[in-house]
């Protein structure tokens, strides 16, 4: 992501670390949508026999989705992720269709769009549609409910 020409490192805003971090880059984000990229490495927790398993695809979608709502908890000028600490949860998987399982070395592009959001103090509940592509092929199509909690 870029803000006034400055790149923002998504790893500074997600609590995840390798081998659980399933987002490598975030080339685009606005108030209702986000695009992330993920380069699948062999040491990823969800890789088995050089294939990213279903749970890894869902976690990639969840980490992507959390960026849309999570960004509202940080100061706009904060490019280091120091102005807040958040925890995110998948509260429900409303729909998931997995068409293919990607392999180590593949690059995934995941796009998410906010459908609904309800905020109460330090808690947000949201529904987000998400699609993951390998090259231009749709491999995952899902709708998740997420809960973002400020700690």
Protein backbone atom coordinates (compact mmCIF):
# COMPACT_ATOMS: atom_id res chain seq x y z
CA UNK A 1 0.00 0.00 0.00
CA UNK A 2 1.14 3.52 -0.58
CA UNK A 3 0.21 6.62 1.37
CA UNK A 4 1.45 9.83 -0.22
CA UNK A 5 4.10 7.80 -2.06
CA UNK A 6 5.27 5.93 1.05
CA UNK A 7 4.94 2.14 1.14
CA UNK A 8 3.18 0.62 4.15
CA UNK A 9 4.35 -2.77 5.41
CA UNK A 10 1.24 -4.84 6.31
CA UNK A 11 3.35 -7.05 8.59
CA UNK A 12 3.57 -4.11 10.99
CA UNK A 13 -0.22 -4.07 11.35
CA UNK A 14 -1.04 -7.80 11.58
CA UNK A 15 -0.15 -9.69 14.76
CA UNK A 16 0.87 -12.77 12.73
CA UNK A 17 4.47 -13.82 12.10
CA UNK A 18 5.93 -16.58 9.93
CA UNK A 19 5.06 -19.38 9.61
CA UNK A 20 1.51 -18.13 10.41
CA UNK A 21 1.71 -14.91 8.35
CA UNK A 22 -0.15 -15.52 5.10
CA UNK A 23 0.08 -12.06 3.50
CA UNK A 24 3.31 -10.84 1.90
CA UNK A 25 2.28 -7.50 0.35
CA UNK A 26 -0.69 -5.15 0.31
CA UNK A 27 -0.63 -3.21 -2.98
CA UNK A 28 -4.07 -1.60 -2.47
CA UNK A 29 -6.46 -0.65 0.34
CA UNK A 30 -9.30 1.82 0.76
CA UNK A 31 -12.24 2.10 3.19
CA UNK A 32 -14.17 -0.85 1.72
CA UNK A 33 -11.70 -3.00 -0.23
CA UNK A 34 -8.20 -4.43 -0.14
CA UNK A 35 -5.86 -6.43 -2.34
CA UNK A 36 -3.07 -8.55 -0.88
CA UNK A 37 -0.42 -10.86 -2.29
CA UNK A 38 1.05 -13.98 -0.73
CA UNK A 39 4.12 -15.85 -1.90
CA UNK A 40 3.76 -19.46 -0.69
CA UNK A 41 6.94 -20.71 0.96
CA UNK A 42 7.67 -24.26 2.04
CA UNK A 43 7.95 -23.36 5.73
CA UNK A 44 4.36 -22.09 5.91
CA UNK A 45 2.45 -23.77 8.72
CA UNK A 46 -0.35 -24.77 6.33
CA UNK A 47 1.83 -26.38 3.63
CA UNK A 48 1.73 -30.15 3.35
CA UNK A 49 3.47 -32.05 0.55
CA UNK A 50 4.24 -28.71 -1.17
CA UNK A 51 0.54 -27.77 -1.29
CA UNK A 52 -1.16 -24.95 0.66
CA UNK A 53 -4.04 -26.68 2.42
CA UNK A 54 -7.63 -25.44 2.73
CA UNK A 55 -7.11 -23.98 6.22
CA UNK A 56 -4.23 -21.87 4.84
CA UNK A 57 -6.42 -20.47 2.09
CA UNK A 58 -9.09 -19.51 4.61
CA UNK A 59 -6.49 -17.92 6.91
CA UNK A 60 -5.08 -15.94 3.96
CA UNK A 61 -8.60 -14.66 3.27
CA UNK A 62 -9.13 -13.76 6.95
CA UNK A 63 -5.84 -11.85 7.21
CA UNK A 64 -6.71 -9.99 4.02
CA UNK A 65 -10.22 -9.17 5.26
CA UNK A 66 -9.01 -7.92 8.63
CA UNK A 67 -7.01 -5.16 6.94
CA UNK A 68 -10.16 -3.34 5.76
CA UNK A 69 -11.73 -2.89 9.19
CA UNK A 70 -8.49 -2.96 11.17
CA UNK A 71 -7.11 0.13 9.43
CA UNK A 72 -9.73 2.30 11.13
CA UNK A 73 -8.22 1.60 14.55
CA UNK A 74 -4.82 3.09 13.64
CA UNK A 75 -3.90 6.76 13.41
CA UNK A 76 -3.91 7.86 9.77
CA UNK A 77 -0.28 9.01 9.95
CA UNK A 78 0.89 5.76 11.59
CA UNK A 79 2.94 3.85 8.99
CA UNK A 80 4.67 1.69 11.61
CA UNK A 81 1.65 0.07 13.30
CA UNK A 82 2.49 1.45 16.74
CA UNK A 83 -0.69 3.39 17.55
CA UNK A 84 -2.80 0.36 18.42
CA UNK A 85 -2.95 -3.39 19.07
CA UNK A 86 -5.73 -5.48 17.55
CA UNK A 87 -6.86 -9.08 17.65
CA UNK A 88 -9.01 -10.48 14.86
CA UNK A 89 -11.13 -13.60 14.74
CA UNK A 90 -13.13 -15.42 12.11
CA UNK A 91 -16.54 -15.47 13.81
CA UNK A 92 -18.24 -17.39 11.00
CA UNK A 93 -17.47 -18.84 7.61
CA UNK A 94 -20.69 -18.10 5.77
CA UNK A 95 -19.59 -19.57 2.46
CA UNK A 96 -16.39 -21.02 1.03
CA UNK A 97 -15.74 -22.62 -2.33
CA UNK A 98 -12.20 -23.88 -2.94
CA UNK A 99 -11.64 -24.64 -6.62
CA UNK A 100 -7.93 -25.56 -6.48
CA UNK A 101 -5.09 -25.89 -3.97
CA UNK A 102 -1.98 -23.84 -4.82
CA UNK A 103 1.61 -25.06 -4.51
CA UNK A 104 4.80 -23.79 -2.91
CA UNK A 105 6.21 -21.06 -5.13
CA UNK A 106 2.82 -19.80 -6.29
CA UNK A 107 1.80 -16.19 -5.72
CA UNK A 108 -1.78 -15.63 -4.58
CA UNK A 109 -3.66 -12.38 -5.11
CA UNK A 110 -6.57 -11.98 -2.70
CA UNK A 111 -9.23 -9.28 -3.09
CA UNK A 112 -11.79 -8.49 -0.40
CA UNK A 113 -14.81 -6.18 -0.29
CA UNK A 114 -16.65 -5.02 2.82
CA UNK A 115 -20.34 -5.99 2.77
CA UNK A 116 -21.41 -4.79 6.22
CA UNK A 117 -19.87 -3.45 9.42
CA UNK A 118 -21.13 -2.83 12.93
CA UNK A 119 -18.92 -0.94 15.41
CA UNK A 120 -19.36 -0.77 19.18
CA UNK A 121 -16.58 0.96 21.09
CA UNK A 122 -13.45 -1.14 20.72
CA UNK A 123 -15.10 -3.93 18.72
CA UNK A 124 -16.10 -4.28 15.06
CA UNK A 125 -18.15 -7.07 13.51
CA UNK A 126 -18.10 -7.28 9.74
CA UNK A 127 -19.07 -9.39 6.76
CA UNK A 128 -16.61 -9.47 3.88
CA UNK A 129 -16.61 -11.13 0.44
CA UNK A 130 -13.23 -12.43 -0.62
CA UNK A 131 -11.75 -14.00 -3.76
CA UNK A 132 -8.29 -15.50 -4.17
CA UNK A 133 -6.56 -15.90 -7.53
CA UNK A 134 -3.49 -17.79 -8.74
CA UNK A 135 -2.43 -16.10 -11.96
CA UNK A 136 -5.87 -15.09 -13.25
CA UNK A 137 -7.62 -18.26 -12.07
CA UNK A 138 -10.15 -18.00 -9.23
CA UNK A 139 -9.17 -20.63 -6.66
CA UNK A 140 -11.15 -19.49 -3.58
CA UNK A 141 -14.46 -17.64 -3.27
CA UNK A 142 -15.73 -17.00 0.25
CA UNK A 143 -17.74 -14.81 2.60
CA UNK A 144 -16.45 -14.42 6.16
CA UNK A 145 -17.76 -12.77 9.29
CA UNK A 146 -14.86 -11.27 11.24
CA UNK A 147 -14.59 -9.72 14.65
CA UNK A 148 -11.87 -7.12 15.23
CA UNK A 149 -11.13 -6.28 18.86
CA UNK A 150 -8.95 -3.45 20.15
CA UNK A 151 -6.80 -4.56 23.10
